[in-house]
Amino acid sequence: MSEHPEELLATRRFRVVRHRLAGPDGRELVRDTVQHPGAVAILPLVGDDQVCLIRNYRIAVGKTLIELPAGTLEPDEDPAVTAYRELIEETGYRADSIEKLREFTMSPGILNERMYLFLAQGLTAGPTALEAGEEIDSLIVSWSDAMRMVYDGTIEDAKTLVGLMHYDHLRSRQ
């Protein structure tokens, strides 16, 4: 990375930064990146063979996607705390246990966002606490239906694909 990155844009959730580096041939390379505080995705298991997904309108793609509940870390917030908070906000479920399954990067060619995937179990239903402007509905499906949606293209969201496929692999090893 460059020693003195230039901030091009700062928003509440991310920053756009320009980096100037020396290329292998000595010429200057300019790269713009999105700096993000990180986020969580939660895989909420409902009973023995169901998962709670959400329908979430995403303005960036102009449509409603089927996703795992997720959210951005607050400054200095432990990802497990974020996971518990976002699960309640988006689905209304409270979890007896939240277990980190893995971490991954979302789109490292342009974005430094670190995603933390959590498994939520022992769920108790309750009211949601959606943020202003969020258009989110819960969608409870069987595990086999969730995997069908992964493979037939119904689910397009990367974090949801990673989360469901990773947990499906773990399930198959039990």
C-alpha atoms as a PDB file:
ATOM      1  CA  MET A   1       0.000   0.000   0.000  1.00  0.00           C
ATOM      2  CA  SER A   2       0.998   3.593  -0.375  1.00  0.00           C
ATOM      3  CA  GLU A   3       2.556   5.428   2.532  1.00  0.00           C
ATOM      4  CA  HIS A   4       0.165   8.382   2.280  1.00  0.00           C
ATOM      5  CA  PRO A   5      -3.217   7.297   0.908  1.00  0.00           C
ATOM      6  CA  GLU A   6      -5.556  10.105  -0.154  1.00  0.00           C
ATOM      7  CA  GLU A   7      -9.119  10.001   1.147  1.00  0.00           C
ATOM      8  CA  LEU A   8     -11.521  10.718  -1.706  1.00  0.00           C
ATOM      9  CA  LEU A   9     -14.801  10.156   0.135  1.00  0.00           C
ATOM     10  CA  ALA A  10     -15.845   9.461   3.706  1.00  0.00           C
ATOM     11  CA  THR A  11     -19.326   8.199   4.554  1.00  0.00           C
ATOM     12  CA  ARG A  12     -20.886   6.815   7.703  1.00  0.00           C
ATOM     13  CA  ARG A  13     -20.137   3.219   6.632  1.00  0.00           C
ATOM     14  CA  PHE A  14     -17.006   3.327   4.444  1.00  0.00           C
ATOM     15  CA  ARG A  15     -14.212   5.423   2.937  1.00  0.00           C
ATOM     16  CA  VAL A  16     -12.860   5.568  -0.620  1.00  0.00           C
ATOM     17  CA  VAL A  17      -9.074   5.923  -0.647  1.00  0.00           C
ATOM     18  CA  ARG A  18      -6.580   6.505  -3.487  1.00  0.00           C
ATOM     19  CA  HIS A  19      -3.248   4.704  -3.225  1.00  0.00           C
ATOM     20  CA  ARG A  20      -0.170   5.621  -5.266  1.00  0.00           C
ATOM     21  CA  LEU A  21       2.435   2.873  -5.589  1.00  0.00           C
ATOM     22  CA  ALA A  22       5.508   2.121  -7.595  1.00  0.00           C
ATOM     23  CA  GLY A  23       4.856  -0.595 -10.165  1.00  0.00           C
ATOM     24  CA  PRO A  24       7.376  -3.339 -10.996  1.00  0.00           C
ATOM     25  CA  ASP A  25       8.724  -1.171 -13.820  1.00  0.00           C
ATOM     26  CA  GLY A  26       9.063   1.878 -11.534  1.00  0.00           C
ATOM     27  CA  ARG A  27       6.072   3.739 -12.976  1.00  0.00           C
ATOM     28  CA  GLU A  28       3.421   5.052 -10.622  1.00  0.00           C
ATOM     29  CA  LEU A  29       0.285   2.944 -10.208  1.00  0.00           C
ATOM     30  CA  VAL A  30      -2.913   4.490  -8.884  1.00  0.00           C
ATOM     31  CA  ARG A  31      -5.476   2.270  -7.164  1.00  0.00           C
ATOM     32  CA  ASP A  32      -8.721   3.355  -5.505  1.00  0.00           C
ATOM     33  CA  THR A  33     -10.083   1.119  -2.753  1.00  0.00           C
ATOM     34  CA  VAL A  34     -13.089   1.021  -0.459  1.00  0.00           C
ATOM     35  CA  GLN A  35     -12.099   0.825   3.215  1.00  0.00           C
ATOM     36  CA  HIS A  36     -14.829  -0.847   5.275  1.00  0.00           C
ATOM     37  CA  PRO A  37     -14.989  -1.563   9.037  1.00  0.00           C
ATOM     38  CA  GLY A  38     -16.079  -5.174   8.466  1.00  0.00           C
ATOM     39  CA  ALA A  39     -19.384  -6.971   8.718  1.00  0.00           C
ATOM     40  CA  VAL A  40     -21.097 -10.114   9.931  1.00  0.00           C
ATOM     41  CA  ALA A  41     -23.386 -12.641   8.289  1.00  0.00           C
ATOM     42  CA  ILE A  42     -25.528 -14.864  10.468  1.00  0.00           C
ATOM     43  CA  LEU A  43     -26.805 -18.335   9.606  1.00  0.00           C
ATOM     44  CA  PRO A  44     -29.857 -18.735  11.889  1.00  0.00           C
ATOM     45  CA  LEU A  45     -30.941 -22.354  12.280  1.00  0.00           C
ATOM     46  CA  VAL A  46     -34.629 -22.704  13.105  1.00  0.00           C
ATOM     47  CA  GLY A  47     -35.301 -26.109  14.578  1.00  0.00           C
ATOM     48  CA  ASP A  48     -33.550 -29.158  13.181  1.00  0.00           C
ATOM     49  CA  ASP A  49     -33.818 -28.591   9.448  1.00  0.00           C
ATOM     50  CA  GLN A  50     -34.753 -24.991   8.701  1.00  0.00           C
ATOM     51  CA  VAL A  51     -32.856 -21.754   8.165  1.00  0.00           C
ATOM     52  CA  CYS A  52     -34.059 -18.163   8.442  1.00  0.00           C
ATOM     53  CA  LEU A  53     -33.139 -16.162   5.363  1.00  0.00           C
ATOM     54  CA  ILE A  54     -34.288 -12.644   4.591  1.00  0.00           C
ATOM     55  CA  ARG A  55     -35.665 -10.844   1.574  1.00  0.00           C
ATOM     56  CA  ASN A  56     -33.736  -7.583   1.462  1.00  0.00           C
ATOM     57  CA  TYR A  57     -34.157  -4.775  -1.074  1.00  0.00           C
ATOM     58  CA  ARG A  58     -30.687  -3.697  -2.292  1.00  0.00           C
ATOM     59  CA  ILE A  59     -30.577  -0.345  -4.012  1.00  0.00           C
ATOM     60  CA  ALA A  60     -27.117  -1.044  -5.521  1.00  0.00           C
ATOM     61  CA  VAL A  61     -28.597  -3.807  -7.707  1.00  0.00           C
ATOM     62  CA  GLY A  62     -32.143  -2.439  -7.809  1.00  0.00           C
ATOM     63  CA  LYS A  63     -33.891  -5.556  -6.567  1.00  0.00           C
ATOM     64  CA  THR A  64     -34.785  -7.701  -3.600  1.00  0.00           C
ATOM     65  CA  LEU A  65     -32.251 -10.434  -2.824  1.00  0.00           C
ATOM     66  CA  ILE A  66     -32.529 -13.510  -0.644  1.00  0.00           C
ATOM     67  CA  GLU A  67     -29.749 -13.321   1.918  1.00  0.00           C
ATOM     68  CA  LEU A  68     -28.488 -14.323   5.305  1.00  0.00           C
ATOM     69  CA  PRO A  69     -29.113 -11.612   7.902  1.00  0.00           C
ATOM     70  CA  ALA A  70     -26.047  -9.373   8.081  1.00  0.00           C
ATOM     71  CA  GLY A  71     -24.736  -6.027   9.219  1.00  0.00           C
ATOM     72  CA  THR A  72     -21.789  -3.699   9.575  1.00  0.00           C
ATOM     73  CA  LEU A  73     -19.579  -3.610  12.663  1.00  0.00           C
ATOM     74  CA  GLU A  74     -19.768  -0.479  14.791  1.00  0.00           C
ATOM     75  CA  PRO A  75     -16.401   1.049  15.807  1.00  0.00           C
ATOM     76  CA  ASP A  76     -14.524  -1.283  18.189  1.00  0.00           C
ATOM     77  CA  GLU A  77     -17.497  -3.678  18.326  1.00  0.00           C
ATOM     78  CA  ASP A  78     -16.836  -7.388  18.759  1.00  0.00           C
ATOM     79  CA  PRO A  79     -18.190  -9.250  15.688  1.00  0.00           C
ATOM     80  CA  ALA A  80     -20.162 -11.650  17.935  1.00  0.00           C
ATOM     81  CA  VAL A  81     -21.975  -8.668  19.483  1.00  0.00           C
ATOM     82  CA  THR A  82     -22.723  -7.344  15.996  1.00  0.00           C
ATOM     83  CA  ALA A  83     -24.064 -10.759  14.972  1.00  0.00           C
ATOM     84  CA  TYR A  84     -26.392 -10.962  17.962  1.00  0.00           C
ATOM     85  CA  ARG A  85     -27.625  -7.381  17.412  1.00  0.00           C
ATOM     86  CA  GLU A  86     -28.180  -7.782  13.665  1.00  0.00           C
ATOM     87  CA  LEU A  87     -30.021 -11.078  14.092  1.00  0.00           C
ATOM     88  CA  ILE A  88     -32.539  -9.359  16.376  1.00  0.00           C
ATOM     89  CA  GLU A  89     -32.801  -6.240  14.197  1.00  0.00           C
ATOM     90  CA  GLU A  90     -33.403  -8.075  10.926  1.00  0.00           C
ATOM     91  CA  THR A  91     -35.295 -11.225  11.972  1.00  0.00           C
ATOM     92  CA  GLY A  92     -36.548 -10.661  15.523  1.00  0.00           C
ATOM     93  CA  TYR A  93     -34.889 -13.900  16.622  1.00  0.00           C
ATOM     94  CA  ARG A  94     -32.835 -14.061  19.802  1.00  0.00           C
ATOM     95  CA  ALA A  95     -30.161 -16.792  19.871  1.00  0.00           C
ATOM     96  CA  ASP A  96     -29.064 -18.941  22.811  1.00  0.00           C
ATOM     97  CA  SER A  97     -25.722 -19.405  21.064  1.00  0.00           C
ATOM     98  CA  ILE A  98     -23.737 -17.563  18.423  1.00  0.00           C
ATOM     99  CA  GLU A  99     -20.671 -19.426  17.107  1.00  0.00           C
ATOM    100  CA  LYS A 100     -18.132 -18.033  14.670  1.00  0.00           C
ATOM    101  CA  LEU A 101     -17.698 -20.401  11.727  1.00  0.00           C
ATOM    102  CA  ARG A 102     -15.129 -18.524   9.625  1.00  0.00           C
ATOM    103  CA  GLU A 103     -13.913 -15.215   8.215  1.00  0.00           C
ATOM    104  CA  PHE A 104     -13.464 -14.236   4.566  1.00  0.00           C
ATOM    105  CA  THR A 105     -12.903 -11.243   2.305  1.00  0.00           C
ATOM    106  CA  MET A 106     -15.698 -10.064   0.063  1.00  0.00           C
ATOM    107  CA  SER A 107     -14.058  -8.485  -2.995  1.00  0.00           C
ATOM    108  CA  PRO A 108     -10.361  -7.916  -2.251  1.00  0.00           C
ATOM    109  CA  GLY A 109      -9.587  -6.377  -5.640  1.00  0.00           C
ATOM    110  CA  ILE A 110     -11.289  -3.168  -4.532  1.00  0.00           C
ATOM    111  CA  LEU A 111     -12.682  -3.673  -1.005  1.00  0.00           C
ATOM    112  CA  ASN A 112     -10.948  -4.486   2.303  1.00  0.00           C
ATOM    113  CA  GLU A 113     -14.158  -5.632   4.041  1.00  0.00           C
ATOM    114  CA  ARG A 114     -13.672  -8.608   6.367  1.00  0.00           C
ATOM    115  CA  MET A 115     -16.825 -10.729   6.740  1.00  0.00           C
ATOM    116  CA  TYR A 116     -17.392 -12.823   9.870  1.00  0.00           C
ATOM    117  CA  LEU A 117     -19.785 -15.756   9.452  1.00  0.00           C
ATOM    118  CA  PHE A 118     -21.704 -16.867  12.549  1.00  0.00           C
ATOM    119  CA  LEU A 119     -24.037 -19.775  13.276  1.00  0.00           C
ATOM    120  CA  ALA A 120     -27.027 -18.854  15.467  1.00  0.00           C
ATOM    121  CA  GLN A 121     -28.891 -21.625  17.310  1.00  0.00           C
ATOM    122  CA  GLY A 122     -31.505 -21.958  20.018  1.00  0.00           C
ATOM    123  CA  LEU A 123     -33.674 -19.252  18.486  1.00  0.00           C
ATOM    124  CA  THR A 124     -36.617 -17.562  20.171  1.00  0.00           C
ATOM    125  CA  ALA A 125     -38.940 -15.415  18.058  1.00  0.00           C
ATOM    126  CA  GLY A 126     -39.513 -11.763  18.898  1.00  0.00           C
ATOM    127  CA  PRO A 127     -40.082  -8.400  17.234  1.00  0.00           C
ATOM    128  CA  THR A 128     -37.656  -7.015  14.664  1.00  0.00           C
ATOM    129  CA  ALA A 129     -35.924  -3.648  15.080  1.00  0.00           C
ATOM    130  CA  LEU A 130     -35.381  -2.578  11.475  1.00  0.00           C
ATOM    131  CA  GLU A 131     -33.445   0.607  10.788  1.00  0.00           C
ATOM    132  CA  ALA A 132     -35.226   3.431   8.984  1.00  0.00           C
ATOM    133  CA  GLY A 133     -35.542   2.657   5.289  1.00  0.00           C
ATOM    134  CA  GLU A 134     -34.829  -1.073   5.562  1.00  0.00           C
ATOM    135  CA  GLU A 135     -37.180  -3.294   3.558  1.00  0.00           C
ATOM    136  CA  ILE A 136     -36.573  -6.743   5.061  1.00  0.00           C
ATOM    137  CA  ASP A 137     -38.855  -9.762   5.451  1.00  0.00           C
ATOM    138  CA  SER A 138     -37.917 -13.087   7.037  1.00  0.00           C
ATOM    139  CA  LEU A 139     -38.122 -16.226   4.952  1.00  0.00           C
ATOM    140  CA  ILE A 140     -38.011 -19.559   6.805  1.00  0.00           C
ATOM    141  CA  VAL A 141     -37.078 -22.422   4.474  1.00  0.00           C
ATOM    142  CA  SER A 142     -36.017 -26.032   4.826  1.00  0.00           C
ATOM    143  CA  TRP A 143     -32.312 -26.732   4.485  1.00  0.00           C
ATOM    144  CA  SER A 144     -32.930 -28.601   1.217  1.00  0.00           C
ATOM    145  CA  ASP A 145     -34.865 -25.615  -0.201  1.00  0.00           C
ATOM    146  CA  ALA A 146     -32.061 -23.250   0.809  1.00  0.00           C
ATOM    147  CA  MET A 147     -29.520 -25.430  -0.998  1.00  0.00           C
ATOM    148  CA  ARG A 148     -31.804 -25.677  -4.036  1.00  0.00           C
ATOM    149  CA  MET A 149     -31.877 -21.853  -4.126  1.00  0.00           C
ATOM    150  CA  VAL A 150     -28.055 -21.818  -3.970  1.00  0.00           C
ATOM    151  CA  TYR A 151     -27.710 -24.117  -6.962  1.00  0.00           C
ATOM    152  CA  ASP A 152     -30.594 -22.872  -9.125  1.00  0.00           C
ATOM    153  CA  GLY A 153     -29.392 -19.251  -8.961  1.00  0.00           C
ATOM    154  CA  THR A 154     -32.228 -17.905  -6.801  1.00  0.00           C
ATOM    155  CA  ILE A 155     -29.625 -16.820  -4.237  1.00  0.00           C
ATOM    156  CA  GLU A 156     -27.141 -14.409  -5.820  1.00  0.00           C
ATOM    157  CA  ASP A 157     -25.608 -12.787  -2.748  1.00  0.00           C
ATOM    158  CA  ALA A 158     -21.979 -13.833  -2.174  1.00  0.00           C
ATOM    159  CA  LYS A 159     -21.999 -13.895   1.635  1.00  0.00           C
ATOM    160  CA  THR A 160     -25.126 -16.047   1.575  1.00  0.00           C
ATOM    161  CA  LEU A 161     -23.649 -18.451  -0.965  1.00  0.00           C
ATOM    162  CA  VAL A 162     -20.458 -18.764   1.105  1.00  0.00           C
ATOM    163  CA  GLY A 163     -22.362 -19.178   4.358  1.00  0.00           C
ATOM    164  CA  LEU A 164     -24.814 -21.800   3.142  1.00  0.00           C
ATOM    165  CA  MET A 165     -22.255 -23.795   1.160  1.00  0.00           C
ATOM    166  CA  HIS A 166     -19.730 -23.733   4.007  1.00  0.00           C
ATOM    167  CA  TYR A 167     -22.276 -24.905   6.562  1.00  0.00           C
ATOM    168  CA  ASP A 168     -23.630 -27.534   4.167  1.00  0.00           C
ATOM    169  CA  HIS A 169     -20.095 -28.924   3.942  1.00  0.00           C
ATOM    170  CA  LEU A 170     -19.830 -28.963   7.754  1.00  0.00           C
ATOM    171  CA  ARG A 171     -23.213 -30.743   8.002  1.00  0.00           C
ATOM    172  CA  SER A 172     -22.116 -33.415   5.543  1.00  0.00           C
ATOM    173  CA  ARG A 173     -19.088 -34.229   7.710  1.00  0.00           C
ATOM    174  CA  GLN A 174     -21.140 -34.840  10.872  1.00  0.00           C
END
